[in-house]
Amino acid sequence: MTGRDVTLNFAVGSRDGPRSSVWRLWANKNGDVFVGCRAHASVNKLTFHASGRCHKAFTNEYWAKKFRPNCERFDATWHRSPSPPAGEKRGSNGLAICFPTDYLSTSLSPDSVPDGTVWVPAATNGRATWIFLWFSRDDEQAVREAIAGSSQRLLLHHAIRPNEYALVLSGELDSGDNDVCFPAEPGGKHLIYTRADPFSTGRPMRVAIGPIIEDGQIPRIWELGGYAMPNNGLVDEAMLPYRRINRKVIRATIGSPGWRPKS
């Protein structure tokens, strides 16, 4: 064991909003790194083992309480690329999280933000703040030299084992069209995540959506703010300009109460 325990709570925006959810990254003395939306980190998380093996799964504690023994705890397992040799000023990308500025929330309580949270400035309208987890063999000075003059910001440089480090960096990139909706089931509510907020809800709901991960791929997650609307005719689902996603896709999200392992 060569590392040490470390925890980083981070969020995009400002405490009083607009802002994202608070995310948590932590590492143990074995050099394993864990990432999850803080509000749901006790339920499911992404794990990046020092060996290079990674997985997305329910936590042991939650799985033991909520599921039968024969239920699968892991939703996806994969291996990240090895870290390049020291001196190349490159890394192995482990994770990318996108926070589009136009989907940040203004109605989240500041009381839910822990002390010491690192606030990453929101990108300009129409763009997104990206948070990247990298693995590298370059020391902190080399990393800072590599990103000097760019828009990237180093949030964490942590040794996970001899001559290998976990890095957390932020940057600003284009956002693209991220409108999404989970149509209501009978008697339920539409879950709407769009750039427009026509009912001035402040987007009290946050969802983190990502594709099913396969070996060799880099996990990419989009966190969006939205709201729920009753299926009472006020929302004309056929007319709204958003992509309709079946609720089964929620199983591919992180930090969603409806997330389930792939069947």
Protein backbone atom coordinates (compact mmCIF):
# COMPACT_ATOMS: atom_id res chain seq x y z
CA MET A 1 0.00 0.00 0.00
CA THR A 2 1.62 3.19 -1.14
CA GLY A 3 -1.20 5.70 -1.40
CA ARG A 4 -3.29 7.48 1.19
CA ASP A 5 -6.97 8.17 1.66
CA VAL A 6 -8.16 11.31 -0.12
CA THR A 7 -11.60 12.81 -0.84
CA LEU A 8 -12.57 15.55 -3.30
CA ASN A 9 -16.09 17.00 -3.35
CA PHE A 10 -16.68 19.15 -6.42
CA ALA A 11 -19.54 20.89 -8.21
CA VAL A 12 -20.00 23.19 -11.20
CA GLY A 13 -21.42 26.70 -10.74
CA SER A 14 -21.79 28.39 -7.35
CA ARG A 15 -23.27 27.47 -3.98
CA ASP A 16 -26.34 29.69 -4.45
CA GLY A 17 -26.78 28.59 -8.05
CA PRO A 18 -27.02 28.02 -10.89
CA ARG A 19 -25.19 24.80 -10.11
CA SER A 20 -24.81 21.07 -10.61
CA SER A 21 -25.07 18.29 -8.08
CA VAL A 22 -22.12 17.78 -5.78
CA TRP A 23 -19.91 14.93 -6.94
CA ARG A 24 -17.47 12.97 -4.83
CA LEU A 25 -14.17 11.39 -5.82
CA TRP A 26 -12.24 9.41 -3.25
CA ALA A 27 -9.25 7.07 -3.20
CA ASN A 28 -8.11 4.48 -0.68
CA LYS A 29 -4.67 3.38 0.45
CA ASN A 30 -4.65 0.60 -2.15
CA GLY A 31 -4.74 3.18 -4.95
CA ASP A 32 -8.33 2.47 -5.98
CA VAL A 33 -10.35 5.51 -7.10
CA PHE A 34 -14.13 5.87 -6.75
CA VAL A 35 -16.48 8.44 -8.31
CA GLY A 36 -20.16 9.10 -7.76
CA CYS A 37 -22.82 11.73 -7.34
CA ARG A 38 -22.48 12.51 -3.62
CA ALA A 39 -26.20 12.13 -2.89
CA HIS A 40 -26.12 8.58 -4.27
CA ALA A 41 -22.53 7.49 -3.63
CA SER A 42 -23.73 5.03 -0.99
CA VAL A 43 -25.95 3.39 -3.62
CA ASN A 44 -23.87 3.16 -6.81
CA LYS A 45 -20.50 4.36 -8.02
CA LEU A 46 -17.76 3.99 -10.59
CA THR A 47 -14.63 2.17 -9.42
CA PHE A 48 -11.18 2.46 -10.99
CA HIS A 49 -8.84 -0.12 -9.46
CA ALA A 50 -5.11 0.59 -9.44
CA SER A 51 -4.69 -2.61 -11.48
CA GLY A 52 -6.61 -1.00 -14.37
CA ARG A 53 -9.80 -3.00 -13.85
CA CYS A 54 -12.89 -0.78 -13.61
CA HIS A 55 -16.56 -1.29 -12.97
CA LYS A 56 -19.90 0.46 -12.46
CA ALA A 57 -21.93 -1.17 -9.72
CA PHE A 58 -24.08 -0.94 -6.66
CA THR A 59 -22.10 -0.63 -3.44
CA ASN A 60 -21.68 -3.81 -1.43
CA GLU A 61 -23.78 -2.41 1.42
CA TYR A 62 -26.71 -1.30 -0.74
CA TRP A 63 -26.71 -4.48 -2.82
CA ALA A 64 -26.72 -6.69 0.30
CA LYS A 65 -29.74 -4.86 1.74
CA LYS A 66 -31.84 -4.41 -1.41
CA PHE A 67 -31.24 -7.40 -3.69
CA ARG A 68 -31.42 -11.17 -3.66
CA PRO A 69 -28.06 -13.01 -3.55
CA ASN A 70 -28.39 -14.18 -7.18
CA CYS A 71 -28.86 -10.62 -8.53
CA GLU A 72 -25.96 -9.11 -10.44
CA ARG A 73 -24.25 -6.23 -8.58
CA PHE A 74 -22.12 -5.07 -11.53
CA ASP A 75 -23.67 -3.18 -14.41
CA ALA A 76 -20.45 -2.97 -16.44
CA THR A 77 -16.81 -3.99 -16.13
CA TRP A 78 -13.92 -2.88 -18.32
CA HIS A 79 -10.18 -2.14 -18.33
CA ARG A 80 -8.74 1.32 -18.76
CA SER A 81 -5.73 1.94 -20.96
CA PRO A 82 -2.32 1.82 -19.21
CA SER A 83 -0.77 5.13 -18.20
CA PRO A 84 1.87 6.33 -20.72
CA PRO A 85 5.52 6.46 -19.61
CA ALA A 86 6.64 9.39 -17.47
CA GLY A 87 7.95 12.39 -19.37
CA GLU A 88 5.48 12.19 -22.26
CA LYS A 89 3.08 14.61 -20.52
CA ARG A 90 0.15 12.41 -21.48
CA GLY A 91 -2.33 10.30 -19.57
CA SER A 92 -4.94 7.58 -19.77
CA ASN A 93 -8.45 9.07 -19.75
CA GLY A 94 -10.58 7.25 -17.21
CA LEU A 95 -13.79 9.30 -17.11
CA ALA A 96 -15.41 12.43 -18.59
CA ILE A 97 -18.42 14.20 -17.02
CA CYS A 98 -20.23 16.96 -18.91
CA PHE A 99 -22.11 19.77 -17.14
CA PRO A 100 -23.90 21.91 -19.79
CA THR A 101 -24.34 25.44 -18.45
CA ASP A 102 -27.84 25.84 -19.88
CA TYR A 103 -29.03 22.85 -17.78
CA LEU A 104 -27.69 23.95 -14.37
CA SER A 105 -30.23 24.31 -11.55
CA THR A 106 -31.25 27.40 -9.59
CA SER A 107 -33.63 25.72 -7.11
CA LEU A 108 -31.23 23.39 -5.26
CA SER A 109 -30.74 24.03 -1.55
CA PRO A 110 -27.28 25.33 -0.58
CA ASP A 111 -27.66 23.42 2.70
CA SER A 112 -26.90 20.18 0.85
CA VAL A 113 -23.41 21.37 -0.10
CA PRO A 114 -20.67 20.09 2.24
CA ASP A 115 -17.98 22.40 3.54
CA GLY A 116 -14.81 22.32 1.49
CA THR A 117 -16.55 21.65 -1.82
CA VAL A 118 -14.42 22.75 -4.77
CA TRP A 119 -16.46 24.98 -7.08
CA VAL A 120 -15.61 24.83 -10.77
CA PRO A 121 -16.81 27.89 -12.73
CA ALA A 122 -19.65 27.24 -15.15
CA ALA A 123 -18.86 27.60 -18.84
CA THR A 124 -20.40 30.34 -20.92
CA ASN A 125 -23.98 29.87 -22.12
CA GLY A 126 -24.26 27.27 -24.86
CA ARG A 127 -21.11 25.50 -23.70
CA ALA A 128 -20.28 22.97 -21.00
CA THR A 129 -17.83 22.43 -18.18
CA TRP A 130 -16.17 19.04 -18.44
CA ILE A 131 -14.52 17.21 -15.54
CA PHE A 132 -11.93 14.61 -16.52
CA LEU A 133 -10.33 11.82 -14.51
CA TRP A 134 -6.91 10.92 -15.90
CA PHE A 135 -4.21 8.48 -14.87
CA SER A 136 -0.62 9.54 -15.50
CA ARG A 137 2.98 8.85 -14.54
CA ASP A 138 3.96 12.53 -14.68
CA ASP A 139 4.44 14.47 -11.45
CA GLU A 140 2.39 17.55 -10.61
CA GLN A 141 4.91 20.02 -12.00
CA ALA A 142 4.96 18.26 -15.37
CA VAL A 143 1.17 18.23 -15.51
CA ARG A 144 0.95 21.94 -14.71
CA GLU A 145 3.50 22.66 -17.43
CA ALA A 146 1.47 20.60 -19.91
CA ILE A 147 -1.77 22.53 -19.28
CA ALA A 148 -0.18 25.97 -18.91
CA GLY A 149 -1.83 28.49 -21.21
CA SER A 150 -4.94 26.35 -21.70
CA SER A 151 -8.39 26.66 -20.13
CA GLN A 152 -7.81 23.50 -18.13
CA ARG A 153 -7.60 23.62 -14.34
CA LEU A 154 -5.95 20.96 -12.15
CA LEU A 155 -8.25 20.07 -9.25
CA LEU A 156 -6.37 17.05 -7.87
CA HIS A 157 -3.02 15.29 -8.36
CA HIS A 158 -2.89 12.20 -6.15
CA ALA A 159 -0.40 9.31 -5.98
CA ILE A 160 -2.23 5.98 -6.24
CA ARG A 161 0.93 3.85 -6.33
CA PRO A 162 4.66 4.39 -6.96
CA ASN A 163 5.11 6.69 -9.97
CA GLU A 164 1.43 6.71 -10.97
CA TYR A 165 -1.13 9.39 -10.24
CA ALA A 166 -4.84 10.09 -10.49
CA LEU A 167 -5.59 13.55 -11.91
CA VAL A 168 -8.82 15.53 -11.94
CA LEU A 169 -8.96 18.37 -14.45
CA SER A 170 -11.67 20.73 -15.63
CA GLY A 171 -12.12 22.37 -19.01
CA GLU A 172 -14.69 24.12 -21.19
CA LEU A 173 -15.99 22.64 -24.45
CA ASP A 174 -19.02 22.90 -26.70
CA SER A 175 -22.21 21.48 -25.24
CA GLY A 176 -24.37 20.44 -28.16
CA ASP A 177 -28.05 19.48 -27.98
CA ASN A 178 -28.73 17.62 -24.74
CA ASP A 179 -32.55 17.81 -24.47
CA VAL A 180 -33.98 14.57 -23.10
CA CYS A 181 -37.29 13.35 -21.70
CA PHE A 182 -38.47 10.22 -19.96
CA PRO A 183 -42.16 10.00 -21.00
CA ALA A 184 -44.70 9.41 -18.27
CA GLU A 185 -46.11 6.01 -17.53
CA PRO A 186 -49.92 5.89 -17.02
CA GLY A 187 -50.74 8.08 -14.04
CA GLY A 188 -47.14 9.21 -13.72
CA LYS A 189 -45.11 12.27 -14.61
CA HIS A 190 -42.96 13.29 -17.54
CA LEU A 191 -39.32 13.80 -16.54
CA ILE A 192 -38.13 16.70 -18.69
CA TYR A 193 -34.53 17.85 -19.10
CA THR A 194 -34.42 20.65 -21.66
CA ARG A 195 -32.49 23.86 -22.23
CA ALA A 196 -35.76 25.77 -21.92
CA ASP A 197 -37.55 25.98 -18.56
CA PRO A 198 -40.95 27.33 -19.66
CA PHE A 199 -42.60 26.83 -16.26
CA SER A 200 -39.72 28.53 -14.34
CA THR A 201 -39.15 25.49 -12.14
CA GLY A 202 -35.46 26.19 -11.56
CA ARG A 203 -34.75 22.57 -12.57
CA PRO A 204 -35.03 20.95 -9.10
CA MET A 205 -34.14 17.50 -10.44
CA ARG A 206 -30.72 16.34 -11.57
CA VAL A 207 -30.00 13.26 -13.66
CA ALA A 208 -26.69 11.84 -14.84
CA ILE A 209 -26.98 9.89 -18.07
CA GLY A 210 -24.38 7.77 -19.84
CA PRO A 211 -24.24 4.90 -22.30
CA ILE A 212 -23.62 1.32 -21.28
CA ILE A 213 -19.84 0.98 -20.98
CA GLU A 214 -17.88 -1.64 -22.90
CA ASP A 215 -14.26 -2.72 -22.60
CA GLY A 216 -11.86 -0.20 -24.08
CA GLN A 217 -14.33 2.68 -23.98
CA ILE A 218 -14.06 5.84 -21.88
CA PRO A 219 -17.12 6.37 -19.68
CA ARG A 220 -18.88 9.63 -20.56
CA ILE A 221 -21.62 11.05 -18.38
CA TRP A 222 -23.91 14.05 -18.96
CA GLU A 223 -25.51 15.66 -15.89
CA LEU A 224 -28.66 17.64 -16.67
CA GLY A 225 -31.18 19.63 -14.65
CA GLY A 226 -34.88 19.19 -15.18
CA TYR A 227 -38.34 18.91 -13.69
CA ALA A 228 -41.36 16.61 -13.48
CA MET A 229 -44.72 17.40 -15.07
CA PRO A 230 -47.97 15.44 -14.53
CA ASN A 231 -49.33 13.61 -17.52
CA ASN A 232 -52.41 15.86 -17.56
CA GLY A 233 -52.31 17.45 -21.00
CA LEU A 234 -50.31 20.55 -20.05
CA VAL A 235 -47.31 19.02 -21.78
CA ASP A 236 -47.96 17.97 -25.36
CA GLU A 237 -45.38 15.21 -25.67
CA ALA A 238 -45.76 15.01 -29.45
CA MET A 239 -44.89 18.69 -29.90
CA LEU A 240 -41.97 19.26 -27.55
CA PRO A 241 -38.52 19.33 -29.23
CA TYR A 242 -36.78 16.70 -27.15
CA ARG A 243 -35.61 13.16 -27.64
CA ARG A 244 -37.96 10.62 -26.07
CA ILE A 245 -36.20 7.94 -24.08
CA ASN A 246 -37.88 4.86 -22.70
CA ARG A 247 -37.60 4.63 -18.92
CA LYS A 248 -35.54 1.44 -19.26
CA VAL A 249 -32.64 3.66 -20.32
CA ILE A 250 -32.49 4.92 -16.72
CA ARG A 251 -30.55 1.76 -15.95
CA ALA A 252 -27.62 3.40 -17.77
CA THR A 253 -27.51 6.41 -15.45
CA ILE A 254 -25.39 7.18 -12.43
CA GLY A 255 -27.04 8.77 -9.43
CA SER A 256 -30.60 8.12 -10.49
CA PRO A 257 -32.98 6.43 -8.02
CA GLY A 258 -34.31 4.41 -10.95
CA TRP A 259 -30.93 3.04 -11.99
CA ARG A 260 -30.84 -0.75 -12.25
CA PRO A 261 -28.22 -3.26 -13.34
CA LYS A 262 -28.37 -4.42 -16.94
CA SER A 263 -30.56 -7.50 -17.27
